[in-house]
C-alpha cells in the first residue's frame, strides 16, 4: 500500500488562509474605526526624578468646583454616569461593591451617591490611583470621552463642599509620602492637582512613608471620617482646586525627612469652573464610540458571521473541507480577541 503525497491540510496552506483571515478582520476593524490602532497600550516614557518631583500649580489638572453652576451640573451628571458605568468596567464593578458597604448619609444634603464615592475613594486603592491620575492630567479631556470620571468627580467634590458647611472652616492637617519633591520652593504657590487624603493628627514616624511630609493648613478640605472605609480618625479630603503657599521647608524635623509647610491662599484655581455646561453634552456624547455597544454591535457581528460563511463556502467549493473548521475557529478567536481589546478600553 502506498501512502502518496496527497494535497491534504498542509501547514503552509493553513498559514496562508489564517493570515488572509487576520488581514480581512483587521481591515474591517480599521475601516470601521481608524483610531483603533492607537488604543493599544504603550509603555510610557520614563521621567527623570534626579531633582525631585515638582511642586507647582499642576496646570494640567482638573479644577472644576461647580461654583455658581452646581444645580445645572447636578441635573446633567446622571447622563455622564450612565455612560461611564458602561464603558469603565472597573469603575462599575467597584461601584456595585461599594454600594453594599457604604454608610447611609447622616446629613440631609448628602445622597447615597455621595457616601458611595467617599467609601470607594478610601477603600479601593486602584480606583483612587486611576482616578487621581485622570484628574491630575485631564484638563484637556474634561467634558469629553477622554475623561471617564465625571460622575465620580462631581459627587466627590460636592460631598466635600456639603460636609464643609457644618465643619471648621480651616484646619491643620498632615500628609506623608515616599516620593521626593523639589526643595527649592519656599514662597511659591502649588496645588496637589488631585484629591489628597490627609490626617488631622501628625502620624507616627514610618520608614516607608516619611520621605516627604506636608503640614497643610487647608480651608477647602472636609472631614470624611464617618464615610471612610478605614477606621483612622480625623481623615480630611482636600480637593484639587485648593491653592497653597509653601511657607517653609524643614529638613531637621523628627517625624519626617523633609517637611513642607503649606498654607491655603483661600483663592482656588478656577480654570475649568463650570465648564460642564449643557452644550457640552452633545460634544461628550459625540465622542463616545457608541457604535460598538448599541446597533453597531449587531451590524458588526453580522459582518463577522457573513465573513465566516463566505470563507467556508469558498473552501467547500474548492474541496478544502478540512480547512473549514480550522479557518472558522481562527476567525472566531480573532473576533473574540478584537472585541475584548475594544471592551477593555
Protein backbone atom coordinates (compact mmCIF):
# COMPACT_ATOMS: atom_id res chain seq x y z
CA UNK A 1 0.00 0.00 0.00
CA UNK A 2 1.37 3.40 -0.97
CA UNK A 3 0.91 6.47 1.09
CA UNK A 4 1.13 9.12 -1.60
CA UNK A 5 1.75 12.78 -1.05
CA UNK A 6 -1.84 13.92 -1.22
CA UNK A 7 -2.54 17.65 -1.15
CA UNK A 8 -4.27 17.46 2.22
CA UNK A 9 -4.19 20.01 5.06
CA UNK A 10 -0.72 21.32 4.53
CA UNK A 11 0.64 23.61 7.20
CA UNK A 12 1.76 26.15 4.64
CA UNK A 13 -1.70 26.50 3.11
CA UNK A 14 -3.29 26.74 6.53
CA UNK A 15 -0.96 29.56 7.50
CA UNK A 16 -1.83 31.39 4.29
CA UNK A 17 -5.55 31.16 4.92
CA UNK A 18 -5.19 32.22 8.56
CA UNK A 19 -3.06 35.20 7.50
CA UNK A 20 -5.72 36.18 4.96
CA UNK A 21 -8.44 35.98 7.60
CA UNK A 22 -6.39 38.08 10.01
CA UNK A 23 -5.88 40.71 7.31
CA UNK A 24 -9.60 40.81 6.49
CA UNK A 25 -10.62 41.19 10.15
CA UNK A 26 -8.04 43.91 10.78
CA UNK A 27 -9.17 45.80 7.67
CA UNK A 28 -12.79 45.60 8.82
CA UNK A 29 -11.90 46.90 12.26
CA UNK A 30 -9.77 49.75 10.94
CA UNK A 31 -12.32 50.74 8.32
CA UNK A 32 -14.97 50.96 11.00
CA UNK A 33 -12.74 52.80 13.44
CA UNK A 34 -9.36 54.07 12.15
CA UNK A 35 -8.31 55.13 15.66
CA UNK A 36 -8.28 51.53 16.89
CA UNK A 37 -4.57 51.24 16.18
CA UNK A 38 -3.68 53.90 18.74
CA UNK A 39 -5.72 52.28 21.54
CA UNK A 40 -3.14 49.54 22.10
CA UNK A 41 -1.37 50.07 25.45
CA UNK A 42 2.03 51.68 25.09
CA UNK A 43 4.87 51.93 27.56
CA UNK A 44 5.08 55.48 28.92
CA UNK A 45 8.27 57.43 28.56
CA UNK A 46 10.46 57.38 31.64
CA UNK A 47 10.93 60.62 33.54
CA UNK A 48 13.99 61.71 35.39
CA UNK A 49 13.48 62.42 39.07
CA UNK A 50 17.02 63.39 39.95
CA UNK A 51 15.89 66.76 41.25
CA UNK A 52 12.64 65.54 42.76
CA UNK A 53 9.10 65.91 41.54
CA UNK A 54 7.82 69.46 41.04
CA UNK A 55 5.54 71.24 43.50
CA UNK A 56 3.75 73.64 41.20
CA UNK A 57 0.27 74.73 40.13
CA UNK A 58 -0.49 71.41 38.41
CA UNK A 59 -1.58 73.22 35.27
CA UNK A 60 -2.80 70.04 33.54
CA UNK A 61 -5.21 69.03 36.30
CA UNK A 62 -8.97 69.48 36.57
CA UNK A 63 -10.13 72.20 38.96
CA UNK A 64 -13.88 72.50 38.40
CA UNK A 65 -15.54 73.33 41.72
CA UNK A 66 -19.02 73.93 40.21
CA UNK A 67 -19.15 77.35 41.84
CA UNK A 68 -22.29 79.06 40.57
CA UNK A 69 -23.49 76.12 38.48
CA UNK A 70 -23.98 73.26 40.91
CA UNK A 71 -27.69 72.79 40.14
CA UNK A 72 -27.07 72.75 36.41
CA UNK A 73 -24.22 70.26 36.77
CA UNK A 74 -26.26 68.04 39.11
CA UNK A 75 -29.15 67.93 36.63
CA UNK A 76 -26.98 66.54 33.83
CA UNK A 77 -24.41 64.46 35.70
CA UNK A 78 -26.58 61.32 35.66
CA UNK A 79 -26.25 61.23 31.87
CA UNK A 80 -22.49 61.08 32.23
CA UNK A 81 -22.80 58.43 34.91
CA UNK A 82 -24.79 56.04 32.71
CA UNK A 83 -22.12 56.05 30.02
CA UNK A 84 -19.18 55.96 32.43
CA UNK A 85 -20.56 52.96 34.30
CA UNK A 86 -20.98 51.20 30.97
CA UNK A 87 -17.60 51.95 29.41
CA UNK A 88 -15.44 51.84 32.55
CA UNK A 89 -15.94 48.27 33.72
CA UNK A 90 -13.55 48.51 36.67
CA UNK A 91 -15.49 51.53 37.89
CA UNK A 92 -18.90 49.87 37.54
CA UNK A 93 -17.78 46.72 39.39
CA UNK A 94 -16.21 48.81 42.16
CA UNK A 95 -19.38 50.88 42.45
CA UNK A 96 -21.54 47.79 42.87
CA UNK A 97 -19.27 46.53 45.65
CA UNK A 98 -19.13 49.89 47.45
CA UNK A 99 -22.88 50.34 47.20
CA UNK A 100 -23.38 47.35 49.50
CA UNK A 101 -20.94 48.57 52.15
CA UNK A 102 -21.11 52.36 52.20
CA UNK A 103 -22.82 54.02 55.15
CA UNK A 104 -26.14 55.76 54.77
CA UNK A 105 -25.90 59.57 54.62
CA UNK A 106 -26.16 61.18 58.04
CA UNK A 107 -26.69 64.67 56.65
CA UNK A 108 -29.83 65.75 54.81
CA UNK A 109 -28.00 67.36 51.89
CA UNK A 110 -25.98 64.24 51.14
CA UNK A 111 -27.26 61.49 48.85
CA UNK A 112 -26.30 57.84 48.79
CA UNK A 113 -24.03 58.53 45.82
CA UNK A 114 -22.02 60.97 47.95
CA UNK A 115 -21.47 58.27 50.56
CA UNK A 116 -20.57 55.67 47.94
CA UNK A 117 -17.87 57.76 46.26
CA UNK A 118 -16.27 58.60 49.61
CA UNK A 119 -16.25 54.93 50.56
CA UNK A 120 -14.81 53.93 47.18
CA UNK A 121 -12.08 56.55 47.32
CA UNK A 122 -10.89 55.46 50.77
CA UNK A 123 -11.36 51.71 50.22
CA UNK A 124 -10.16 50.87 46.71
CA UNK A 125 -6.55 51.83 46.09
CA UNK A 126 -6.65 51.07 42.37
CA UNK A 127 -9.70 53.28 41.84
CA UNK A 128 -8.11 56.06 43.90
CA UNK A 129 -4.88 55.93 41.91
CA UNK A 130 -6.54 55.70 38.50
CA UNK A 131 -8.98 58.48 39.33
CA UNK A 132 -6.32 60.82 40.71
CA UNK A 133 -4.11 60.20 37.69
CA UNK A 134 -7.02 61.07 35.41
CA UNK A 135 -7.78 64.24 37.41
CA UNK A 136 -4.15 65.36 37.51
CA UNK A 137 -3.70 65.06 33.74
CA UNK A 138 -7.26 65.54 32.50
CA UNK A 139 -7.61 69.29 31.96
CA UNK A 140 -7.86 69.00 28.18
CA UNK A 141 -10.02 65.87 28.35
CA UNK A 142 -12.65 67.30 30.69
CA UNK A 143 -16.16 67.29 29.19
CA UNK A 144 -15.03 64.73 26.61
CA UNK A 145 -14.98 60.95 26.44
CA UNK A 146 -11.26 61.08 27.25
CA UNK A 147 -12.07 61.71 30.93
CA UNK A 148 -14.06 58.78 32.33
CA UNK A 149 -14.76 60.02 35.85
CA UNK A 150 -17.12 63.00 35.51
CA UNK A 151 -19.72 61.35 37.75
CA UNK A 152 -17.21 60.32 40.39
CA UNK A 153 -15.50 63.73 40.29
CA UNK A 154 -18.77 65.64 40.70
CA UNK A 155 -20.02 63.66 43.69
CA UNK A 156 -16.67 63.61 45.48
CA UNK A 157 -16.28 67.36 45.00
CA UNK A 158 -19.85 68.01 46.07
CA UNK A 159 -19.51 65.78 49.14
CA UNK A 160 -16.51 67.79 50.33
CA UNK A 161 -18.37 71.06 49.85
CA UNK A 162 -21.52 69.86 51.60
CA UNK A 163 -19.60 68.48 54.59
CA UNK A 164 -17.60 71.70 54.95
CA UNK A 165 -20.77 73.65 55.65
CA UNK A 166 -21.04 72.20 59.18
CA UNK A 167 -17.32 71.89 59.91
CA UNK A 168 -14.43 74.13 60.89
CA UNK A 169 -13.62 76.45 58.02
CA UNK A 170 -9.84 75.94 58.18
CA UNK A 171 -7.72 73.30 59.92
CA UNK A 172 -4.18 71.95 60.09
CA UNK A 173 -3.69 68.52 58.57
CA UNK A 174 -0.80 66.19 57.77
CA UNK A 175 0.07 64.12 54.75
CA UNK A 176 3.10 61.92 54.10
CA UNK A 177 4.51 60.11 51.11
CA UNK A 178 7.57 58.13 49.99
CA UNK A 179 8.10 60.43 46.98
CA UNK A 180 10.82 63.06 46.77
CA UNK A 181 9.99 66.63 45.74
CA UNK A 182 11.93 69.72 44.77
CA UNK A 183 13.01 71.63 47.90
CA UNK A 184 13.72 74.99 46.32
CA UNK A 185 10.07 76.05 46.50
CA UNK A 186 9.69 78.36 49.52
CA UNK A 187 7.26 81.26 48.93
CA UNK A 188 5.84 79.70 45.78
CA UNK A 189 2.26 78.55 45.17
CA UNK A 190 1.22 74.98 44.46
CA UNK A 191 -1.70 72.62 44.07
CA UNK A 192 -1.76 68.90 44.64
CA UNK A 193 -3.77 68.67 41.43
CA UNK A 194 -5.66 65.65 42.72
CA UNK A 195 -7.78 64.72 45.72
CA UNK A 196 -5.48 64.31 48.72
CA UNK A 197 -6.33 62.42 51.89
CA UNK A 198 -4.72 63.96 54.97
CA UNK A 199 -4.90 63.35 58.73
CA UNK A 200 -5.92 65.74 61.48
CA UNK A 201 -3.13 64.49 63.73
CA UNK A 202 0.56 64.08 62.97
CA UNK A 203 1.14 60.41 62.08
CA UNK A 204 3.95 58.48 63.79
CA UNK A 205 7.25 58.00 62.00
CA UNK A 206 7.20 55.35 59.30
CA UNK A 207 10.31 54.33 57.39
CA UNK A 208 8.21 53.56 54.30
CA UNK A 209 6.17 56.74 54.17
CA UNK A 210 8.22 59.56 55.61
CA UNK A 211 10.45 60.64 52.74
CA UNK A 212 8.35 63.78 52.21
CA UNK A 213 5.65 65.09 54.52
CA UNK A 214 3.25 68.02 54.35
CA UNK A 215 1.86 70.13 57.15
CA UNK A 216 -1.21 71.57 55.45
CA UNK A 217 -3.41 74.43 56.61
CA UNK A 218 -6.45 73.75 54.45
CA UNK A 219 -9.57 75.86 54.09
CA UNK A 220 -11.32 73.79 51.42
CA UNK A 221 -10.85 70.27 52.79
CA UNK A 222 -13.53 68.38 54.73
CA UNK A 223 -13.52 65.65 57.36
CA UNK A 224 -14.77 62.44 55.70
CA UNK A 225 -14.04 60.07 58.60
CA UNK A 226 -17.67 58.96 59.04
CA UNK A 227 -17.94 57.83 55.42
CA UNK A 228 -14.44 56.41 55.08
CA UNK A 229 -13.75 52.71 54.64
CA UNK A 230 -10.88 52.88 57.16
CA UNK A 231 -11.08 53.31 60.93
CA UNK A 232 -8.50 56.07 61.25
CA UNK A 233 -9.87 59.18 62.94
CA UNK A 234 -9.62 62.68 61.53
CA UNK A 235 -9.48 61.92 57.80
CA UNK A 236 -9.61 65.11 55.76
CA UNK A 237 -10.07 65.09 51.99
CA UNK A 238 -8.53 68.07 50.17
CA UNK A 239 -9.89 68.94 46.69
CA UNK A 240 -7.61 69.52 43.68
CA UNK A 241 -8.62 73.15 43.18
CA UNK A 242 -7.22 74.40 46.50
CA UNK A 243 -4.09 76.56 46.12
CA UNK A 244 -1.39 76.64 48.80
CA UNK A 245 1.60 78.82 49.51
CA UNK A 246 4.71 76.91 50.56
CA UNK A 247 5.82 78.87 53.62
CA UNK A 248 8.74 76.70 54.71
CA UNK A 249 10.71 73.52 54.01
CA UNK A 250 12.13 71.75 57.07
CA UNK A 251 14.84 69.12 56.89
CA UNK A 252 15.55 68.61 60.59
CA UNK A 253 12.09 67.59 61.80
CA UNK A 254 11.92 64.36 63.83
CA UNK A 255 8.77 62.95 62.24
CA UNK A 256 9.85 63.15 58.61
CA UNK A 257 12.93 63.53 56.39
CA UNK A 258 11.56 66.65 54.68
CA UNK A 259 8.53 68.65 55.80
CA UNK A 260 6.76 71.12 53.51
CA UNK A 261 4.60 73.64 55.34
CA UNK A 262 1.62 74.73 53.26
CA UNK A 263 -0.92 77.46 53.91
CA UNK A 264 -4.11 77.88 51.92
CA UNK A 265 -4.28 81.06 49.85
CA UNK A 266 -8.10 80.80 50.16
CA UNK A 267 -8.29 81.59 46.44
CA UNK A 268 -8.96 78.39 44.48
CA UNK A 269 -7.90 77.62 40.94
CA UNK A 270 -10.83 78.11 38.57
CA UNK A 271 -9.66 77.43 35.04
CA UNK A 272 -12.35 74.80 34.45
CA UNK A 273 -15.00 76.12 36.80
CA UNK A 274 -18.48 75.45 35.36
CA UNK A 275 -17.11 74.09 32.09
CA UNK A 276 -19.54 71.19 32.32
CA UNK A 277 -22.35 73.11 30.62
CA UNK A 278 -25.44 71.77 28.88
CA UNK A 279 -23.95 72.37 25.44
CA UNK A 280 -21.02 70.12 26.36
CA UNK A 281 -23.28 67.07 26.46
CA UNK A 282 -23.50 66.91 22.65
CA UNK A 283 -19.73 67.12 22.42
CA UNK A 284 -19.33 64.41 25.05
CA UNK A 285 -21.82 62.01 23.53
CA UNK A 286 -20.43 62.75 20.10
CA UNK A 287 -17.05 61.48 21.28
CA UNK A 288 -18.38 58.28 22.82
CA UNK A 289 -17.99 55.39 20.38
CA UNK A 290 -21.49 54.04 20.99
CA UNK A 291 -21.45 52.15 17.69
CA UNK A 292 -19.59 49.39 19.49
CA UNK A 293 -22.30 48.91 22.06
CA UNK A 294 -25.69 49.54 20.52
CA UNK A 295 -26.92 48.88 16.98
CA UNK A 296 -23.33 48.80 15.77
CA UNK A 297 -22.70 45.60 17.69
CA UNK A 298 -25.39 43.75 15.76
CA UNK A 299 -24.13 45.04 12.42
CA UNK A 300 -20.55 44.20 13.27
CA UNK A 301 -21.39 40.68 14.37
CA UNK A 302 -23.44 40.21 11.20
CA UNK A 303 -20.40 41.19 9.12
CA UNK A 304 -18.26 38.69 11.01
CA UNK A 305 -20.78 35.88 10.52
CA UNK A 306 -21.11 36.64 6.81
CA UNK A 307 -17.33 36.66 6.51
CA UNK A 308 -17.10 33.21 8.08
CA UNK A 309 -19.89 31.86 5.87
CA UNK A 310 -18.24 33.20 2.70
CA UNK A 311 -14.85 31.76 3.62
CA UNK A 312 -16.42 28.40 4.49
CA UNK A 313 -18.32 28.28 1.17
CA UNK A 314 -15.17 29.09 -0.80
CA UNK A 315 -13.31 26.31 0.97
CA UNK A 316 -16.12 23.82 0.35
CA UNK A 317 -16.32 24.72 -3.34
CA UNK A 318 -12.58 24.31 -3.72
CA UNK A 319 -12.68 20.95 -1.99
CA UNK A 320 -10.75 22.12 1.07
CA UNK A 321 -13.17 20.61 3.55
CA UNK A 322 -10.51 20.09 6.19
CA UNK A 323 -9.76 23.80 6.26
CA UNK A 324 -13.31 24.86 7.17
CA UNK A 325 -13.07 24.06 10.87
CA UNK A 326 -9.54 25.45 11.19
CA UNK A 327 -10.25 28.76 9.46
CA UNK A 328 -13.62 29.23 11.15
CA UNK A 329 -12.03 28.58 14.53
CA UNK A 330 -9.24 31.03 13.79
CA UNK A 331 -11.77 33.71 12.81
CA UNK A 332 -13.76 33.15 15.99
CA UNK A 333 -10.62 33.53 18.09
CA UNK A 334 -9.65 36.72 16.27
CA UNK A 335 -13.13 38.19 16.66
CA UNK A 336 -13.10 37.38 20.38
CA UNK A 337 -9.67 38.98 20.86
CA UNK A 338 -10.69 42.09 18.89
CA UNK A 339 -13.86 42.55 20.93
CA UNK A 340 -12.07 42.02 24.25
CA UNK A 341 -9.38 44.56 23.34
CA UNK A 342 -12.04 47.11 22.48
CA UNK A 343 -14.13 46.44 25.60
CA UNK A 344 -11.08 46.87 27.83
CA UNK A 345 -10.83 50.44 26.57
